[in-house]
Amino acid sequence: MTSKTTKSPRVGGWWDGIAPAITLVGALLTTAGFVLAFTLAGPVNGAAIDGVEVIGGQMVANQLLFSQKIFYFHVPTAIASFVALAVAAYYCVRFLMTRDAGYDLRAKVATEVALVFVIAVMVTGEMWTRFEWGVWWTWEPRLTTYLILMLLVIAYFVLRASIDDPERRAVFASVFGLIMFADVPVCFMITRLIPSSVHPVIFRTDSGLSPDMLVPFLLSLFGMLFVTYGLFRLRVRAAELDARAERIKEQLDD
């Protein structure tokens, strides 16, 4: 694979230099968001209880959904997975336009990062489903479309592992990466296209989040996005160094 007409992506520079600091800042913001989710954001009222009970010095007439705290990790992680897959799709397009292996590597790394977040989303989603709905799984539109997305991400790596020729592997993986990304807007919009009583629309003009809920949510969201950036840049750098070492080894063997 060659890059004769375009500038190859580079490793190094300020975007790699700030990656460790961005990752640390992201971890701190995410931690702060989680802490505030338990200390600042109040519990959400769930189903009505028989009579009125005093909990924490307050009269309550509904079950308090403490498991709703999963929301502050679950939703930001899902958004981070969408962003990582958008980055992967961008580099898939760049590879198909240039046939530069550097873009294929970046698409693969972005999909690796996305897979980590996708698994975290599914785990926390299953916890929420079990705690609040009493079942481990239901064929609800958002859950179903996100399950399809997870299977597509896994299939991406199965496809890569099944093709030996590097250029053919990169071409097929890039095309599949775009197909994989096509499910992202479907996942995001499905609660608007098919309204569900169990999966609310989070991002709307009146977000429905009070300030004590919005602050920890935004901290977690931006923290998770910072972590996504840091993981991507650090992993790209490591993968590029591995690729260079492999090329040097092949030259020495020849």
C-alpha atoms as a PDB file:
ATOM      1  CA  MET A   1       0.000   0.000   0.000  1.00  0.00           C
ATOM      2  CA  THR A   2       1.365   3.422  -0.872  1.00  0.00           C
ATOM      3  CA  SER A   3       0.635   7.054  -0.316  1.00  0.00           C
ATOM      4  CA  LYS A   4       1.865   8.961  -3.383  1.00  0.00           C
ATOM      5  CA  THR A   5      -0.569  11.833  -3.663  1.00  0.00           C
ATOM      6  CA  THR A   6      -1.503  12.602  -0.065  1.00  0.00           C
ATOM      7  CA  LYS A   7       0.274  13.333   3.146  1.00  0.00           C
ATOM      8  CA  SER A   8       0.479  10.329   5.431  1.00  0.00           C
ATOM      9  CA  PRO A   9      -0.812  10.627   8.998  1.00  0.00           C
ATOM     10  CA  ARG A  10       2.044  11.187  11.411  1.00  0.00           C
ATOM     11  CA  VAL A  11       2.810  10.013  14.912  1.00  0.00           C
ATOM     12  CA  GLY A  12       4.066  12.552  17.400  1.00  0.00           C
ATOM     13  CA  GLY A  13       3.434  16.261  17.683  1.00  0.00           C
ATOM     14  CA  TRP A  14       1.370  18.141  20.182  1.00  0.00           C
ATOM     15  CA  TRP A  15      -1.731  15.958  19.764  1.00  0.00           C
ATOM     16  CA  ASP A  16       0.248  12.970  21.028  1.00  0.00           C
ATOM     17  CA  GLY A  17       2.117  15.035  23.601  1.00  0.00           C
ATOM     18  CA  ILE A  18      -1.061  16.104  25.371  1.00  0.00           C
ATOM     19  CA  ALA A  19      -2.664  12.650  25.230  1.00  0.00           C
ATOM     20  CA  PRO A  20      -1.486  11.520  28.722  1.00  0.00           C
ATOM     21  CA  ALA A  21      -2.623  14.817  30.280  1.00  0.00           C
ATOM     22  CA  ILE A  22      -5.968  14.688  28.458  1.00  0.00           C
ATOM     23  CA  THR A  23      -6.488  11.121  29.656  1.00  0.00           C
ATOM     24  CA  LEU A  24      -5.736  12.138  33.246  1.00  0.00           C
ATOM     25  CA  VAL A  25      -8.073  15.140  33.048  1.00  0.00           C
ATOM     26  CA  GLY A  26     -10.759  12.906  31.587  1.00  0.00           C
ATOM     27  CA  ALA A  27     -10.357  10.394  34.402  1.00  0.00           C
ATOM     28  CA  LEU A  28     -10.620  13.176  36.999  1.00  0.00           C
ATOM     29  CA  LEU A  29     -13.708  14.705  35.372  1.00  0.00           C
ATOM     30  CA  THR A  30     -15.368  11.308  35.109  1.00  0.00           C
ATOM     31  CA  THR A  31     -14.586  10.540  38.754  1.00  0.00           C
ATOM     32  CA  ALA A  32     -15.952  13.924  39.812  1.00  0.00           C
ATOM     33  CA  GLY A  33     -19.106  13.244  37.818  1.00  0.00           C
ATOM     34  CA  PHE A  34     -19.620   9.909  39.522  1.00  0.00           C
ATOM     35  CA  VAL A  35     -19.030  11.379  42.974  1.00  0.00           C
ATOM     36  CA  LEU A  36     -21.505  14.199  42.341  1.00  0.00           C
ATOM     37  CA  ALA A  37     -23.997  11.693  40.943  1.00  0.00           C
ATOM     38  CA  PHE A  38     -24.144  10.118  44.407  1.00  0.00           C
ATOM     39  CA  THR A  39     -23.710  13.248  46.509  1.00  0.00           C
ATOM     40  CA  LEU A  40     -25.441  16.035  44.547  1.00  0.00           C
ATOM     41  CA  ALA A  41     -28.024  14.430  42.269  1.00  0.00           C
ATOM     42  CA  GLY A  42     -31.070  13.229  44.103  1.00  0.00           C
ATOM     43  CA  PRO A  43     -32.583   9.784  43.532  1.00  0.00           C
ATOM     44  CA  VAL A  44     -35.309   9.485  40.937  1.00  0.00           C
ATOM     45  CA  ASN A  45     -38.803   8.511  41.946  1.00  0.00           C
ATOM     46  CA  GLY A  46     -39.931   5.161  40.649  1.00  0.00           C
ATOM     47  CA  ALA A  47     -43.059   3.136  41.227  1.00  0.00           C
ATOM     48  CA  ALA A  48     -45.445   4.146  44.016  1.00  0.00           C
ATOM     49  CA  ILE A  49     -45.157   2.295  47.336  1.00  0.00           C
ATOM     50  CA  ASP A  50     -47.884   1.325  49.770  1.00  0.00           C
ATOM     51  CA  GLY A  51     -48.343   4.353  51.995  1.00  0.00           C
ATOM     52  CA  VAL A  52     -45.631   6.839  52.889  1.00  0.00           C
ATOM     53  CA  GLU A  53     -42.194   6.074  54.341  1.00  0.00           C
ATOM     54  CA  VAL A  54     -39.478   8.231  55.893  1.00  0.00           C
ATOM     55  CA  ILE A  55     -36.124   7.746  54.137  1.00  0.00           C
ATOM     56  CA  GLY A  56     -33.207   9.991  54.997  1.00  0.00           C
ATOM     57  CA  GLY A  57     -35.486  12.279  56.991  1.00  0.00           C
ATOM     58  CA  GLN A  58     -37.832  12.795  54.034  1.00  0.00           C
ATOM     59  CA  MET A  59     -41.367  11.572  53.445  1.00  0.00           C
ATOM     60  CA  VAL A  60     -41.449   9.562  50.232  1.00  0.00           C
ATOM     61  CA  ALA A  61     -44.356   7.922  48.461  1.00  0.00           C
ATOM     62  CA  ASN A  62     -42.398   6.318  45.637  1.00  0.00           C
ATOM     63  CA  GLN A  63     -39.633   3.789  45.368  1.00  0.00           C
ATOM     64  CA  LEU A  64     -36.329   5.631  45.059  1.00  0.00           C
ATOM     65  CA  LEU A  65     -34.344   4.388  42.089  1.00  0.00           C
ATOM     66  CA  PHE A  66     -30.770   4.431  43.410  1.00  0.00           C
ATOM     67  CA  SER A  67     -29.773   2.195  40.510  1.00  0.00           C
ATOM     68  CA  GLN A  68     -30.552   5.205  38.291  1.00  0.00           C
ATOM     69  CA  LYS A  69     -26.980   6.287  39.149  1.00  0.00           C
ATOM     70  CA  ILE A  70     -25.908   3.886  36.387  1.00  0.00           C
ATOM     71  CA  PHE A  71     -27.231   6.545  34.007  1.00  0.00           C
ATOM     72  CA  TYR A  72     -24.236   8.823  34.759  1.00  0.00           C
ATOM     73  CA  PHE A  73     -21.842   6.162  33.466  1.00  0.00           C
ATOM     74  CA  HIS A  74     -24.008   4.394  30.919  1.00  0.00           C
ATOM     75  CA  VAL A  75     -25.019   7.329  28.690  1.00  0.00           C
ATOM     76  CA  PRO A  76     -21.595   9.083  28.529  1.00  0.00           C
ATOM     77  CA  THR A  77     -19.995   5.743  27.688  1.00  0.00           C
ATOM     78  CA  ALA A  78     -22.511   5.185  24.895  1.00  0.00           C
ATOM     79  CA  ILE A  79     -21.781   8.645  23.460  1.00  0.00           C
ATOM     80  CA  ALA A  80     -18.041   7.918  23.636  1.00  0.00           C
ATOM     81  CA  SER A  81     -18.586   4.697  21.676  1.00  0.00           C
ATOM     82  CA  PHE A  82     -20.468   6.634  18.980  1.00  0.00           C
ATOM     83  CA  VAL A  83     -17.666   9.198  18.726  1.00  0.00           C
ATOM     84  CA  ALA A  84     -14.998   6.486  18.469  1.00  0.00           C
ATOM     85  CA  LEU A  85     -16.939   4.777  15.671  1.00  0.00           C
ATOM     86  CA  ALA A  86     -17.339   8.105  13.862  1.00  0.00           C
ATOM     87  CA  VAL A  87     -13.555   8.531  14.012  1.00  0.00           C
ATOM     88  CA  ALA A  88     -13.132   4.983  12.688  1.00  0.00           C
ATOM     89  CA  ALA A  89     -15.502   5.738   9.802  1.00  0.00           C
ATOM     90  CA  TYR A  90     -13.558   8.902   8.953  1.00  0.00           C
ATOM     91  CA  TYR A  91     -10.301   6.970   8.704  1.00  0.00           C
ATOM     92  CA  CYS A  92     -12.025   4.229   6.682  1.00  0.00           C
ATOM     93  CA  VAL A  93     -12.987   6.863   4.128  1.00  0.00           C
ATOM     94  CA  ARG A  94      -9.482   8.317   4.180  1.00  0.00           C
ATOM     95  CA  PHE A  95      -7.983   4.893   3.541  1.00  0.00           C
ATOM     96  CA  LEU A  96     -10.326   4.153   0.636  1.00  0.00           C
ATOM     97  CA  MET A  97      -9.361   7.500  -0.899  1.00  0.00           C
ATOM     98  CA  THR A  98      -5.603   7.159  -0.433  1.00  0.00           C
ATOM     99  CA  ARG A  99      -4.791   3.469   0.216  1.00  0.00           C
ATOM    100  CA  ASP A 100      -2.465   4.689   2.983  1.00  0.00           C
ATOM    101  CA  ALA A 101      -1.964   1.995   5.618  1.00  0.00           C
ATOM    102  CA  GLY A 102      -1.671   4.645   8.312  1.00  0.00           C
ATOM    103  CA  TYR A 103      -5.369   5.456   7.950  1.00  0.00           C
ATOM    104  CA  ASP A 104      -6.322   1.797   8.146  1.00  0.00           C
ATOM    105  CA  LEU A 105      -4.326   1.477  11.353  1.00  0.00           C
ATOM    106  CA  ARG A 106      -6.148   4.452  12.844  1.00  0.00           C
ATOM    107  CA  ALA A 107      -9.519   3.045  11.842  1.00  0.00           C
ATOM    108  CA  LYS A 108      -8.612  -0.229  13.544  1.00  0.00           C
ATOM    109  CA  VAL A 109      -7.438   1.532  16.715  1.00  0.00           C
ATOM    110  CA  ALA A 110     -10.563   3.702  16.882  1.00  0.00           C
ATOM    111  CA  THR A 111     -12.688   0.563  16.551  1.00  0.00           C
ATOM    112  CA  GLU A 112     -10.676  -1.075  19.348  1.00  0.00           C
ATOM    113  CA  VAL A 113     -11.427   1.895  21.600  1.00  0.00           C
ATOM    114  CA  ALA A 114     -15.081   1.765  20.537  1.00  0.00           C
ATOM    115  CA  LEU A 115     -15.257  -1.936  21.431  1.00  0.00           C
ATOM    116  CA  VAL A 116     -14.133  -1.189  24.999  1.00  0.00           C
ATOM    117  CA  PHE A 117     -16.913   1.374  25.410  1.00  0.00           C
ATOM    118  CA  VAL A 118     -19.492  -0.788  23.642  1.00  0.00           C
ATOM    119  CA  ILE A 119     -18.852  -3.633  26.078  1.00  0.00           C
ATOM    120  CA  ALA A 120     -19.088  -1.204  29.025  1.00  0.00           C
ATOM    121  CA  VAL A 121     -22.411   0.093  27.669  1.00  0.00           C
ATOM    122  CA  MET A 122     -23.828  -3.397  27.314  1.00  0.00           C
ATOM    123  CA  VAL A 123     -22.712  -4.415  30.834  1.00  0.00           C
ATOM    124  CA  THR A 124     -24.173  -1.311  32.491  1.00  0.00           C
ATOM    125  CA  GLY A 125     -27.267  -1.576  30.326  1.00  0.00           C
ATOM    126  CA  GLU A 126     -27.816  -5.140  31.477  1.00  0.00           C
ATOM    127  CA  MET A 127     -27.387  -4.037  35.115  1.00  0.00           C
ATOM    128  CA  TRP A 128     -30.045  -1.362  34.616  1.00  0.00           C
ATOM    129  CA  THR A 129     -32.363  -3.771  32.821  1.00  0.00           C
ATOM    130  CA  ARG A 130     -32.089  -6.323  35.625  1.00  0.00           C
ATOM    131  CA  PHE A 131     -32.437  -3.851  38.509  1.00  0.00           C
ATOM    132  CA  GLU A 132     -35.246  -1.726  37.100  1.00  0.00           C
ATOM    133  CA  TRP A 133     -37.147  -3.948  34.683  1.00  0.00           C
ATOM    134  CA  GLY A 134     -36.578  -7.259  36.483  1.00  0.00           C
ATOM    135  CA  VAL A 135     -35.220  -9.058  33.413  1.00  0.00           C
ATOM    136  CA  TRP A 136     -31.753  -9.547  31.933  1.00  0.00           C
ATOM    137  CA  TRP A 137     -32.892  -8.783  28.413  1.00  0.00           C
ATOM    138  CA  THR A 138     -35.844  -7.389  26.502  1.00  0.00           C
ATOM    139  CA  TRP A 139     -36.165  -6.772  22.772  1.00  0.00           C
ATOM    140  CA  GLU A 140     -36.619  -3.047  23.274  1.00  0.00           C
ATOM    141  CA  PRO A 141     -35.686  -0.938  20.159  1.00  0.00           C
ATOM    142  CA  ARG A 142     -32.658   0.836  21.666  1.00  0.00           C
ATOM    143  CA  LEU A 143     -31.276  -2.352  23.221  1.00  0.00           C
ATOM    144  CA  THR A 144     -31.781  -4.297  20.012  1.00  0.00           C
ATOM    145  CA  THR A 145     -30.090  -1.758  17.738  1.00  0.00           C
ATOM    146  CA  TYR A 146     -27.153  -1.406  20.136  1.00  0.00           C
ATOM    147  CA  LEU A 147     -26.787  -5.199  20.324  1.00  0.00           C
ATOM    148  CA  ILE A 148     -26.560  -5.200  16.521  1.00  0.00           C
ATOM    149  CA  LEU A 149     -23.889  -2.508  16.773  1.00  0.00           C
ATOM    150  CA  MET A 150     -21.858  -4.596  19.214  1.00  0.00           C
ATOM    151  CA  LEU A 151     -22.081  -7.627  16.907  1.00  0.00           C
ATOM    152  CA  LEU A 152     -20.943  -5.485  13.959  1.00  0.00           C
ATOM    153  CA  VAL A 153     -17.923  -4.225  15.913  1.00  0.00           C
ATOM    154  CA  ILE A 154     -16.968  -7.789  16.836  1.00  0.00           C
ATOM    155  CA  ALA A 155     -17.491  -8.881  13.215  1.00  0.00           C
ATOM    156  CA  TYR A 156     -15.088  -6.126  12.110  1.00  0.00           C
ATOM    157  CA  PHE A 157     -12.241  -7.804  13.978  1.00  0.00           C
ATOM    158  CA  VAL A 158     -13.306 -11.283  12.852  1.00  0.00           C
ATOM    159  CA  LEU A 159     -13.160 -10.008   9.260  1.00  0.00           C
ATOM    160  CA  ARG A 160      -9.701  -8.554   9.747  1.00  0.00           C
ATOM    161  CA  ALA A 161      -8.431 -11.788  11.264  1.00  0.00           C
ATOM    162  CA  SER A 162      -9.805 -13.852   8.379  1.00  0.00           C
ATOM    163  CA  ILE A 163      -7.866 -12.080   5.570  1.00  0.00           C
ATOM    164  CA  ASP A 164      -4.106 -12.523   5.297  1.00  0.00           C
ATOM    165  CA  ASP A 165      -3.299 -10.062   2.528  1.00  0.00           C
ATOM    166  CA  PRO A 166      -2.769  -6.649   4.188  1.00  0.00           C
ATOM    167  CA  GLU A 167      -4.206  -4.535   1.371  1.00  0.00           C
ATOM    168  CA  ARG A 168      -7.287  -6.682   0.804  1.00  0.00           C
ATOM    169  CA  ARG A 169      -7.797  -6.798   4.568  1.00  0.00           C
ATOM    170  CA  ALA A 170      -7.645  -3.021   4.809  1.00  0.00           C
ATOM    171  CA  VAL A 171     -10.056  -2.516   1.881  1.00  0.00           C
ATOM    172  CA  PHE A 172     -12.636  -4.978   3.158  1.00  0.00           C
ATOM    173  CA  ALA A 173     -12.295  -3.681   6.717  1.00  0.00           C
ATOM    174  CA  SER A 174     -12.744  -0.079   5.580  1.00  0.00           C
ATOM    175  CA  VAL A 175     -15.904  -0.874   3.648  1.00  0.00           C
ATOM    176  CA  PHE A 176     -17.233  -2.872   6.584  1.00  0.00           C
ATOM    177  CA  GLY A 177     -16.300  -0.041   8.937  1.00  0.00           C
ATOM    178  CA  LEU A 178     -18.624   2.277   7.026  1.00  0.00           C
ATOM    179  CA  ILE A 179     -21.419  -0.299   7.178  1.00  0.00           C
ATOM    180  CA  MET A 180     -20.773  -0.625  10.905  1.00  0.00           C
ATOM    181  CA  PHE A 181     -21.000   3.136  11.396  1.00  0.00           C
ATOM    182  CA  ALA A 182     -24.357   3.235   9.586  1.00  0.00           C
ATOM    183  CA  ASP A 183     -25.917   1.669  12.686  1.00  0.00           C
ATOM    184  CA  VAL A 184     -24.745   4.542  14.927  1.00  0.00           C
ATOM    185  CA  PRO A 185     -27.351   7.144  13.829  1.00  0.00           C
ATOM    186  CA  VAL A 186     -29.963   4.399  13.953  1.00  0.00           C
ATOM    187  CA  CYS A 187     -29.045   3.656  17.595  1.00  0.00           C
ATOM    188  CA  PHE A 188     -29.087   7.354  18.437  1.00  0.00           C
ATOM    189  CA  MET A 189     -32.395   8.149  16.737  1.00  0.00           C
ATOM    190  CA  ILE A 190     -34.307   4.959  17.442  1.00  0.00           C
ATOM    191  CA  THR A 191     -35.988   6.316  20.598  1.00  0.00           C
ATOM    192  CA  ARG A 192     -37.300   9.195  18.494  1.00  0.00           C
ATOM    193  CA  LEU A 193     -38.349   7.014  15.567  1.00  0.00           C
ATOM    194  CA  ILE A 194     -39.951   4.345  17.763  1.00  0.00           C
ATOM    195  CA  PRO A 195     -40.881   5.939  21.112  1.00  0.00           C
ATOM    196  CA  SER A 196     -40.396   3.559  24.015  1.00  0.00           C
ATOM    197  CA  SER A 197     -41.875   3.801  27.454  1.00  0.00           C
ATOM    198  CA  VAL A 198     -38.741   2.382  29.029  1.00  0.00           C
ATOM    199  CA  HIS A 199     -35.946   4.193  27.162  1.00  0.00           C
ATOM    200  CA  PRO A 200     -36.306   7.970  27.411  1.00  0.00           C
ATOM    201  CA  VAL A 201     -34.971  10.530  24.926  1.00  0.00           C
ATOM    202  CA  ILE A 202     -31.995  12.077  26.731  1.00  0.00           C
ATOM    203  CA  PHE A 203     -30.886  14.758  24.298  1.00  0.00           C
ATOM    204  CA  ARG A 204     -33.718  17.144  23.592  1.00  0.00           C
ATOM    205  CA  THR A 205     -34.412  20.846  24.003  1.00  0.00           C
ATOM    206  CA  ASP A 206     -35.909  20.346  27.461  1.00  0.00           C
ATOM    207  CA  SER A 207     -33.433  17.692  28.578  1.00  0.00           C
ATOM    208  CA  GLY A 208     -35.517  16.874  31.629  1.00  0.00           C
ATOM    209  CA  LEU A 209     -32.399  16.989  33.799  1.00  0.00           C
ATOM    210  CA  SER A 210     -32.431  19.314  36.757  1.00  0.00           C
ATOM    211  CA  PRO A 211     -29.194  21.234  37.453  1.00  0.00           C
ATOM    212  CA  ASP A 212     -28.183  18.797  40.202  1.00  0.00           C
ATOM    213  CA  MET A 213     -28.390  15.992  37.625  1.00  0.00           C
ATOM    214  CA  LEU A 214     -27.057  17.919  34.616  1.00  0.00           C
ATOM    215  CA  VAL A 215     -23.763  18.940  36.259  1.00  0.00           C
ATOM    216  CA  PRO A 216     -22.554  15.401  37.110  1.00  0.00           C
ATOM    217  CA  PHE A 217     -23.828  14.151  33.773  1.00  0.00           C
ATOM    218  CA  LEU A 218     -21.859  16.734  31.791  1.00  0.00           C
ATOM    219  CA  LEU A 219     -18.731  16.131  33.882  1.00  0.00           C
ATOM    220  CA  SER A 220     -18.974  12.419  33.159  1.00  0.00           C
ATOM    221  CA  LEU A 221     -19.684  13.031  29.486  1.00  0.00           C
ATOM    222  CA  PHE A 222     -16.750  15.366  28.853  1.00  0.00           C
ATOM    223  CA  GLY A 223     -14.506  13.229  31.037  1.00  0.00           C
ATOM    224  CA  MET A 224     -15.367  10.153  28.999  1.00  0.00           C
ATOM    225  CA  LEU A 225     -14.733  11.990  25.727  1.00  0.00           C
ATOM    226  CA  PHE A 226     -11.324  13.141  26.987  1.00  0.00           C
ATOM    227  CA  VAL A 227     -10.496   9.557  27.958  1.00  0.00           C
ATOM    228  CA  THR A 228     -11.568   8.426  24.483  1.00  0.00           C
ATOM    229  CA  TYR A 229      -9.188  10.885  22.843  1.00  0.00           C
ATOM    230  CA  GLY A 230      -6.313   9.914  25.141  1.00  0.00           C
ATOM    231  CA  LEU A 231      -6.794   6.179  24.628  1.00  0.00           C
ATOM    232  CA  PHE A 232      -6.954   6.639  20.855  1.00  0.00           C
ATOM    233  CA  ARG A 233      -3.790   8.705  20.559  1.00  0.00           C
ATOM    234  CA  LEU A 234      -1.792   6.546  22.971  1.00  0.00           C
ATOM    235  CA  ARG A 235      -2.871   3.341  21.229  1.00  0.00           C
ATOM    236  CA  VAL A 236      -2.103   4.780  17.771  1.00  0.00           C
ATOM    237  CA  ARG A 237       1.380   5.683  18.926  1.00  0.00           C
ATOM    238  CA  ALA A 238       1.976   2.188  20.329  1.00  0.00           C
ATOM    239  CA  ALA A 239       0.607   0.537  17.173  1.00  0.00           C
ATOM    240  CA  GLU A 240       2.767   2.712  14.912  1.00  0.00           C
ATOM    241  CA  LEU A 241       5.894   1.847  16.903  1.00  0.00           C
ATOM    242  CA  ASP A 242       5.014  -1.855  16.682  1.00  0.00           C
ATOM    243  CA  ALA A 243       4.525  -1.544  12.911  1.00  0.00           C
ATOM    244  CA  ARG A 244       7.872   0.215  12.505  1.00  0.00           C
ATOM    245  CA  ALA A 245       9.646  -2.439  14.578  1.00  0.00           C
ATOM    246  CA  GLU A 246       8.040  -5.148  12.448  1.00  0.00           C
ATOM    247  CA  ARG A 247       9.190  -3.458   9.224  1.00  0.00           C
ATOM    248  CA  ILE A 248      12.762  -3.142  10.535  1.00  0.00           C
ATOM    249  CA  LYS A 249      12.729  -6.797  11.540  1.00  0.00           C
ATOM    250  CA  GLU A 250      11.558  -7.823   8.049  1.00  0.00           C
ATOM    251  CA  GLN A 251      14.291  -5.715   6.426  1.00  0.00           C
ATOM    252  CA  LEU A 252      16.940  -7.306   8.638  1.00  0.00           C
ATOM    253  CA  ASP A 253      15.631 -10.775   7.806  1.00  0.00           C
ATOM    254  CA  ASP A 254      15.890  -9.983   4.078  1.00  0.00           C
END
